Protein backbone atom coordinates (compact mmCIF):
# COMPACT_ATOMS: atom_id res chain seq x y z
CA MET A 1 11.98 5.37 -6.63
CA ASN A 2 14.39 7.08 -8.95
CA LYS A 3 15.03 6.13 -12.63
CA PHE A 4 18.19 5.11 -13.55
CA LYS A 5 17.92 3.83 -17.01
CA LYS A 6 15.93 5.16 -20.00
CA VAL A 7 16.16 3.48 -23.46
CA GLY A 8 14.82 5.01 -26.49
CA LEU A 9 12.49 2.78 -28.41
CA THR A 10 10.31 3.09 -31.46
CA ALA A 11 7.16 1.26 -30.35
CA LEU A 12 5.05 -0.80 -32.48
CA ALA A 13 5.88 1.16 -35.57
CA SER A 14 5.65 -1.70 -37.98
CA SER A 15 2.34 -3.27 -36.57
CA LEU A 16 0.23 -0.20 -36.41
CA VAL A 17 -1.80 0.80 -39.72
CA ALA A 18 -4.52 3.30 -38.66
CA VAL A 19 -2.29 5.28 -36.37
CA SER A 20 1.62 5.47 -35.45
CA ALA A 21 3.49 5.51 -32.39
CA GLN A 22 6.14 8.30 -31.31
CA ALA A 23 9.27 7.27 -29.78
CA GLY A 24 8.93 5.81 -26.43
CA GLU A 25 10.98 4.92 -23.61
CA LEU A 26 11.65 2.36 -21.19
CA THR A 27 12.21 2.59 -17.54
CA VAL A 28 13.82 0.41 -14.82
CA THR A 29 13.04 0.95 -10.94
CA GLY A 30 13.35 -1.10 -7.94
CA GLY A 31 14.09 -1.50 -4.05
CA ALA A 32 15.38 -3.58 -1.58
CA ASN A 33 14.11 -4.50 1.93
CA ILE A 34 15.70 -5.78 4.79
CA THR A 35 13.27 -7.13 7.70
CA LEU A 36 13.81 -8.11 10.91
CA LYS A 37 10.43 -10.04 12.16
CA HIS A 38 9.33 -11.44 15.36
CA GLY A 39 6.37 -13.21 16.45
CA THR A 40 4.05 -16.31 15.91
CA ALA A 41 4.89 -18.12 12.76
CA SER A 42 1.31 -18.11 11.07
CA SER A 43 -2.18 -17.02 11.89
CA THR A 44 -2.97 -20.84 12.94
CA SER A 45 0.12 -21.55 14.78
CA ASN A 46 1.18 -20.21 18.00
CA ALA A 47 4.92 -21.38 17.32
CA SER A 48 6.93 -18.17 18.08
CA GLY A 49 10.29 -17.27 16.12
CA ARG A 50 12.63 -14.79 14.64
CA GLY A 51 13.74 -14.11 11.10
CA ILE A 52 15.73 -11.77 8.89
CA GLY A 53 14.56 -11.60 5.27
CA THR A 54 15.35 -9.80 2.03
CA ASP A 55 12.97 -8.81 -0.47
CA LYS A 56 14.50 -7.52 -4.03
CA ASP A 57 11.83 -5.81 -6.45
CA VAL A 58 12.65 -4.95 -10.13
CA LYS A 59 10.09 -3.30 -12.33
CA PHE A 60 10.46 -2.60 -16.20
CA ALA A 61 8.00 -0.23 -17.51
CA GLY A 62 7.82 0.76 -21.11
CA SER A 63 5.62 3.81 -22.36
CA GLY A 64 4.68 5.38 -25.89
CA GLU A 65 2.29 7.68 -27.50
CA LEU A 66 0.15 7.66 -30.70
CA ASP A 67 -0.33 10.22 -33.16
CA ASN A 68 -3.92 10.65 -31.84
CA GLY A 69 -2.99 11.18 -28.23
CA THR A 70 -3.73 7.72 -26.90
CA THR A 71 -1.00 6.71 -24.68
CA PHE A 72 0.20 3.02 -23.69
CA SER A 73 2.17 1.13 -20.92
CA VAL A 74 3.52 -1.96 -20.51
CA VAL A 75 4.66 -3.00 -17.20
CA THR A 76 6.55 -6.14 -15.91
CA ALA A 77 7.42 -6.41 -11.93
CA THR A 78 9.64 -8.95 -10.59
CA VAL A 79 10.23 -10.13 -6.80
CA ASP A 80 13.68 -11.53 -5.26
CA SER A 81 14.54 -11.57 -9.20
CA GLN A 82 15.22 -14.88 -9.35
CA THR A 83 11.44 -16.32 -8.66
CA GLY A 84 10.32 -14.93 -11.94
CA LEU A 85 7.29 -12.87 -13.31
CA THR A 86 4.96 -11.51 -10.30
CA SER A 87 3.00 -9.23 -12.42
CA GLY A 88 2.65 -7.63 -15.82
CA TYR A 89 0.00 -5.96 -17.45
CA ILE A 90 -0.69 -3.57 -20.71
CA SER A 91 -2.59 -0.24 -20.09
CA ILE A 92 -4.11 1.74 -22.74
CA ALA A 93 -5.24 5.48 -21.96
CA THR A 94 -7.29 7.42 -24.38
CA PRO A 95 -7.36 11.23 -24.62
CA SER A 96 -11.43 11.42 -23.67
CA MET A 97 -12.70 7.73 -23.48
CA GLY A 98 -10.82 6.43 -20.15
CA SER A 99 -8.10 3.88 -20.02
CA PHE A 100 -8.09 -0.03 -20.34
CA LEU A 101 -6.15 -2.50 -18.26
CA MET A 102 -5.15 -5.94 -19.36
CA GLY A 103 -2.95 -8.44 -17.57
CA ASN A 104 -1.99 -10.74 -15.08
CA HIS A 105 -1.84 -10.18 -11.27
CA SER A 106 -2.62 -6.59 -11.84
CA GLY A 107 -4.77 -6.18 -9.25
CA ALA A 108 -7.49 -5.20 -11.62
CA ALA A 109 -10.07 -2.77 -9.90
CA HIS A 110 -10.14 -4.13 -6.53
CA TYR A 111 -6.75 -2.74 -5.41
CA LYS A 112 -8.45 0.51 -5.24
CA TYR A 113 -10.87 -0.11 -2.77
CA ASP A 114 -9.48 -2.87 -0.53
CA GLU A 115 -8.30 -1.94 2.89
CA GLU A 116 -8.40 1.88 1.82
CA VAL A 117 -8.01 3.20 5.45
CA PRO A 118 -4.86 5.30 6.27
CA GLN A 119 -1.72 3.21 6.96
CA VAL A 120 1.61 4.21 6.97
CA TYR A 121 3.33 0.70 6.20
CA GLU A 122 1.50 -2.67 5.69
CA GLN A 123 -1.94 -3.59 5.82
CA VAL A 124 -3.10 -5.37 8.32
CA SER A 125 -3.48 -8.34 5.81
CA ASP A 126 0.05 -8.58 6.09
CA ILE A 127 -0.12 -10.49 9.22
CA THR A 128 -2.97 -12.66 8.47
CA ALA A 129 -4.62 -13.38 5.03
CA LEU A 130 -8.05 -13.75 6.56
CA VAL A 131 -9.15 -10.43 6.23
CA THR A 132 -12.14 -10.10 4.03
CA ALA A 133 -11.26 -6.78 2.38
CA ASN A 134 -7.87 -7.84 1.14
CA LYS A 135 -9.75 -10.80 -0.67
CA VAL A 136 -12.63 -8.87 -2.05
CA GLY A 137 -12.65 -9.19 -6.11
CA ASP A 138 -8.96 -10.63 -5.98
CA PHE A 139 -10.07 -13.46 -8.31
CA MET A 140 -10.26 -10.52 -11.06
CA ASP A 141 -6.38 -10.55 -11.03
CA ASN A 142 -6.01 -12.55 -14.41
CA ASN A 143 -7.55 -13.09 -17.90
CA HIS A 144 -9.13 -9.84 -17.24
CA ILE A 145 -9.94 -6.23 -19.01
CA THR A 146 -10.50 -3.48 -16.63
CA TYR A 147 -12.07 0.03 -17.78
CA THR A 148 -11.79 3.14 -15.78
CA SER A 149 -13.50 6.38 -16.95
CA PRO A 150 -12.31 9.63 -17.16
CA SER A 151 -12.98 11.71 -13.91
CA PHE A 152 -15.87 13.92 -14.39
CA ASP A 153 -17.27 16.68 -12.03
CA LEU A 154 -20.78 16.63 -10.18
CA GLY A 155 -21.50 19.20 -7.91
CA GLY A 156 -18.02 20.16 -7.19
CA ALA A 157 -17.20 16.39 -6.71
CA SER A 158 -14.84 14.34 -8.89
CA ILE A 159 -16.27 10.81 -10.00
CA THR A 160 -14.28 7.80 -11.61
CA LEU A 161 -15.96 4.58 -12.69
CA ASP A 162 -14.44 1.22 -12.76
CA LEU A 163 -15.88 -1.68 -14.53
CA GLY A 164 -14.24 -5.26 -15.25
CA TYR A 165 -14.68 -8.53 -16.71
CA ALA A 166 -12.55 -11.92 -16.40
CA SER A 167 -13.72 -14.75 -18.87
CA ASP A 168 -12.21 -17.26 -16.22
CA ALA A 169 -12.12 -15.87 -12.94
CA ASN A 170 -10.03 -18.63 -11.34
CA ASP A 171 -6.97 -16.02 -10.48
CA THR A 172 -4.85 -18.27 -12.51
CA GLN A 173 -2.36 -16.76 -15.06
CA THR A 174 -3.03 -17.81 -18.64
CA SER A 175 -0.24 -17.32 -21.23
CA ASP A 176 -0.50 -15.48 -24.45
CA GLY A 177 -2.72 -17.73 -26.93
CA GLY A 178 -3.59 -19.95 -24.24
CA VAL A 179 -7.12 -21.22 -22.76
CA PRO A 180 -7.85 -21.87 -19.30
CA GLY A 181 -9.16 -25.44 -18.72
CA GLU A 182 -12.59 -26.13 -16.73
CA GLY A 183 -12.56 -25.68 -12.99
CA THR A 184 -14.47 -24.65 -10.16
CA TYR A 185 -15.41 -20.98 -11.39
CA GLY A 186 -16.39 -19.51 -14.71
CA SER A 187 -16.38 -15.56 -15.46
CA GLY A 188 -16.28 -12.82 -13.02
CA THR A 189 -17.15 -9.25 -13.21
CA GLU A 190 -16.60 -6.11 -11.26
CA ALA A 191 -17.83 -2.41 -10.81
CA GLY A 192 -16.76 0.47 -8.51
CA ILE A 193 -16.90 4.08 -7.94
CA THR A 194 -14.93 6.77 -6.43
CA ILE A 195 -16.12 10.04 -5.55
CA ALA A 196 -13.45 13.02 -4.12
CA TYR A 197 -14.55 15.98 -2.84
CA ASP A 198 -12.06 18.25 -1.37
CA ALA A 199 -10.10 16.42 1.50
CA PHE A 200 -13.14 13.72 1.48
CA LYS A 201 -13.00 10.57 -0.54
CA PHE A 202 -15.56 7.76 -1.09
CA GLY A 203 -15.31 4.42 -2.74
CA ILE A 204 -17.75 1.48 -3.30
CA TYR A 205 -16.96 -1.84 -5.18
CA GLY A 206 -18.72 -5.23 -5.88
CA ALA A 207 -17.30 -8.27 -7.42
CA GLU A 208 -19.20 -11.73 -8.67
CA ARG A 209 -18.18 -15.04 -10.15
CA GLU A 210 -19.80 -17.98 -11.62
CA ASN A 211 -19.60 -21.37 -9.47
CA GLU A 212 -19.48 -24.03 -11.61
CA THR A 213 -19.63 -26.80 -9.12
CA PRO A 214 -22.57 -27.51 -6.83
CA ALA A 215 -22.82 -25.38 -3.53
CA ALA A 216 -22.70 -28.85 -1.40
CA ALA A 217 -22.11 -32.56 -2.30
CA GLY A 218 -24.92 -34.31 -3.57
CA SER A 219 -26.85 -30.83 -4.40
CA ASP A 220 -27.74 -29.90 -7.75
CA THR A 221 -27.88 -26.01 -6.49
CA VAL A 222 -25.02 -23.48 -7.56
CA ARG A 223 -24.71 -20.41 -5.78
CA ASP A 224 -22.35 -17.61 -7.41
CA GLU A 225 -19.88 -15.73 -5.41
CA PHE A 226 -20.32 -12.23 -4.34
CA ASN A 227 -17.90 -9.84 -2.59
CA GLY A 228 -18.61 -5.92 -1.76
CA VAL A 229 -16.32 -3.33 -0.08
CA TRP A 230 -17.05 0.52 0.71
CA TYR A 231 -14.61 2.80 2.73
CA ALA A 232 -14.62 6.74 3.46
CA LYS A 233 -11.55 8.80 4.21
CA TYR A 234 -10.88 12.28 5.20
CA SER A 235 -7.66 14.39 5.57
CA PHE A 236 -7.47 17.67 7.65
CA GLY A 237 -3.93 19.03 7.86
CA PRO A 238 -1.38 16.43 9.01
CA VAL A 239 -4.20 13.97 9.82
CA ALA A 240 -6.02 11.55 7.93
CA ILE A 241 -8.80 9.16 9.08
CA GLY A 242 -10.78 6.40 7.30
CA TYR A 243 -13.46 3.53 7.68
CA SER A 244 -14.44 0.45 5.85
CA GLU A 245 -16.63 -2.29 5.48
CA SER A 246 -16.35 -5.77 3.49
CA TYR A 247 -18.62 -8.65 2.95
CA LEU A 248 -17.46 -11.89 1.26
CA ASP A 249 -19.82 -14.55 0.40
CA SER A 250 -18.20 -17.49 -1.57
CA GLY A 251 -21.47 -19.39 -2.11
CA VAL A 252 -20.39 -22.26 -0.26
CA THR A 253 -22.82 -24.18 2.00
CA GLY A 254 -22.71 -27.30 3.75
CA THR A 255 -21.99 -28.30 7.72
CA ALA A 256 -21.53 -25.25 9.90
CA GLU A 257 -17.80 -25.19 11.54
CA ALA A 258 -17.48 -24.94 15.28
CA THR A 259 -16.67 -22.13 16.84
CA THR A 260 -13.12 -23.51 18.23
CA ALA A 261 -12.13 -24.83 14.39
CA ALA A 262 -9.99 -22.82 12.43
CA LYS A 263 -11.87 -21.11 9.27
CA THR A 264 -10.67 -20.33 5.81
CA LEU A 265 -12.11 -17.82 3.69
CA ARG A 266 -13.81 -19.28 0.34
CA THR A 267 -13.76 -22.75 2.04
CA ALA A 268 -15.86 -22.79 5.19
CA ALA A 269 -19.62 -22.45 4.84
CA GLY A 270 -21.22 -19.34 5.51
CA TYR A 271 -19.90 -15.95 4.86
CA PHE A 272 -17.43 -13.17 6.10
CA GLU A 273 -17.80 -9.66 6.99
CA GLY A 274 -15.28 -7.15 8.49
CA SER A 275 -14.67 -3.45 9.31
CA GLN A 276 -11.61 -1.33 9.83
CA ILE A 277 -10.70 1.94 11.19
CA GLY A 278 -7.70 3.75 10.52
CA VAL A 279 -6.15 7.04 11.53
CA ALA A 280 -2.34 8.41 10.29
CA PHE A 281 -0.59 11.31 11.53
CA ASN A 282 2.53 13.29 9.58
CA VAL A 283 4.77 14.35 12.63
CA ASN A 284 6.60 15.98 9.84
CA ASP A 285 7.98 15.43 6.33
CA ASN A 286 9.90 12.37 7.18
CA LEU A 287 7.90 10.57 10.02
CA SER A 288 4.50 9.20 10.26
CA VAL A 289 2.55 7.24 12.49
CA SER A 290 -0.63 5.15 12.06
CA TYR A 291 -3.01 3.24 14.08
CA THR A 292 -5.35 0.38 12.56
CA GLU A 293 -8.16 -1.73 14.11
CA SER A 294 -9.99 -4.38 11.97
CA GLU A 295 -12.75 -6.75 13.18
CA GLU A 296 -13.67 -9.76 10.84
CA THR A 297 -16.81 -12.10 11.65
CA TYR A 298 -17.55 -15.31 10.49
CA ASN A 299 -21.27 -16.19 10.07
CA ALA A 300 -21.83 -20.01 9.83
CA GLN A 301 -25.69 -19.41 8.33
CA ALA A 302 -26.42 -22.59 10.23
CA GLY A 303 -29.51 -24.31 9.12
CA THR A 304 -32.91 -24.65 10.80
CA GLY A 305 -32.61 -26.12 14.06
CA ILE A 306 -28.89 -25.89 14.33
CA THR A 307 -27.30 -22.92 16.30
CA VAL A 308 -23.70 -22.11 15.63
CA ALA A 309 -22.41 -18.48 17.02
CA ASP A 310 -20.44 -16.07 15.22
CA VAL A 311 -16.62 -15.72 15.79
CA ASP A 312 -14.77 -12.55 15.61
CA MET A 313 -11.41 -12.20 14.69
CA GLU A 314 -9.71 -8.81 15.82
CA VAL A 315 -6.30 -6.90 14.60
CA ASP A 316 -4.88 -4.11 16.10
CA ALA A 317 -1.78 -2.63 14.60
CA ILE A 318 0.56 0.25 15.40
CA GLN A 319 2.67 1.54 12.66
CA VAL A 320 5.70 4.07 12.21
CA ALA A 321 7.46 5.21 9.02
CA TYR A 322 10.64 7.37 8.27
CA SER A 323 11.99 8.21 5.43
CA MET A 324 14.94 9.87 4.18
CA GLY A 325 15.65 10.30 0.39
CA GLY A 326 16.03 6.92 -1.18
CA MET A 327 15.87 5.10 2.41
CA SER A 328 13.16 4.41 4.68
CA ILE A 329 12.62 2.65 7.66
CA LYS A 330 9.24 1.17 8.63
CA ALA A 331 8.02 -0.79 11.66
CA TYR A 332 4.59 -2.19 12.88
CA GLN A 333 3.31 -4.12 16.10
CA MET A 334 -0.01 -6.27 15.33
CA ASP A 335 -2.02 -8.03 17.85
CA VAL A 336 -4.54 -10.78 16.43
CA THR A 337 -7.21 -12.15 18.78
CA ASN A 338 -9.19 -15.46 17.75
CA PRO A 339 -6.61 -15.90 14.80
CA ALA A 340 -8.51 -18.01 11.88
CA PHE A 341 -11.83 -17.37 13.68
CA ASP A 342 -10.97 -19.91 16.23
CA GLU A 343 -11.92 -19.13 19.67
CA ASP A 344 -9.39 -21.87 21.13
CA ALA A 345 -6.43 -20.29 19.20
CA ASP A 346 -3.82 -18.48 21.31
CA ASP A 347 -3.74 -14.68 20.55
CA SER A 348 -0.68 -13.89 18.29
CA LYS A 349 1.49 -10.51 18.22
CA VAL A 350 3.99 -9.84 15.30
CA THR A 351 6.57 -7.26 15.11
CA GLU A 352 8.30 -6.00 11.90
CA ILE A 353 11.11 -3.58 11.33
CA ALA A 354 11.90 -3.27 7.64
CA LEU A 355 14.81 -1.10 6.12
CA GLY A 356 14.05 0.06 2.48
CA LEU A 357 16.30 1.08 -0.36
CA ALA A 358 15.06 2.44 -3.62
CA PHE A 359 16.67 3.10 -6.87
């Protein structure tokens, strides 16, 4: 997106004592999308329809630099402009000790690791929220501080570490000076490592949060939630391939759900695990295509003497993207088998075409 406004600022001049800030700038960028979508209304409904939608994004980013070389940035983003703030965070990058991120709906560290297979348009979770990888660590989005180390070399490979802590990992925004109330969850922690070597990239990530309510009614047992994901990607010429596996155990136990019942992440007893494979091809500088295959499995972890079969949900996606300056045309077709991990549910198919304009 092209910047269209820069406003000079004198940032934090009156509030910093040990070091001073040089003049900073504020940039405003944005874009608009017009989408035409056809297919089932949701992952749990076979009602089909067509819709035309619009999406307007505006992003304000302020930045500056201190005398010791430390840089900082403040980002606020909105969607549809009239719906209010969707994300906002503060990032501080030191010259040699890494960077720190604090904010709301910022993605924390998990956004670097979830669904990291080549895709030229949307992730497969755009059609169904029941994709394990997309939910791994998403409770770290608010009330958190995330640290990213400087990249360091080891045997020719570049290695980066991510560490995060959330004092209240309930994925609910807390305003300045606010204190979250008691709830289902306590604190959360996350850790990830990324290794890049030439055209190869590998990442592994894990997140855990405290459950503050019993695992089942009438029980004193409390099981914490754990999520994890890893991926590997490789590029050669115009082709990129990738593979990823994910795991989500919310710590919920109880009655096993039938194979013919719709399941919900973090509500259904048992755990979810998934895998994705993707390949993308750049036809030329403007046109690219990709194919993604995702398989998610629900494991009921039924008790002794109770047998409940696993249920697989599969998503296949073909995508194409064409760009020309600030304009892009993107499309996908996604097919979902056993949506919501329900063997009785009709298969769904969704097609979306989007016109994007960036400024």
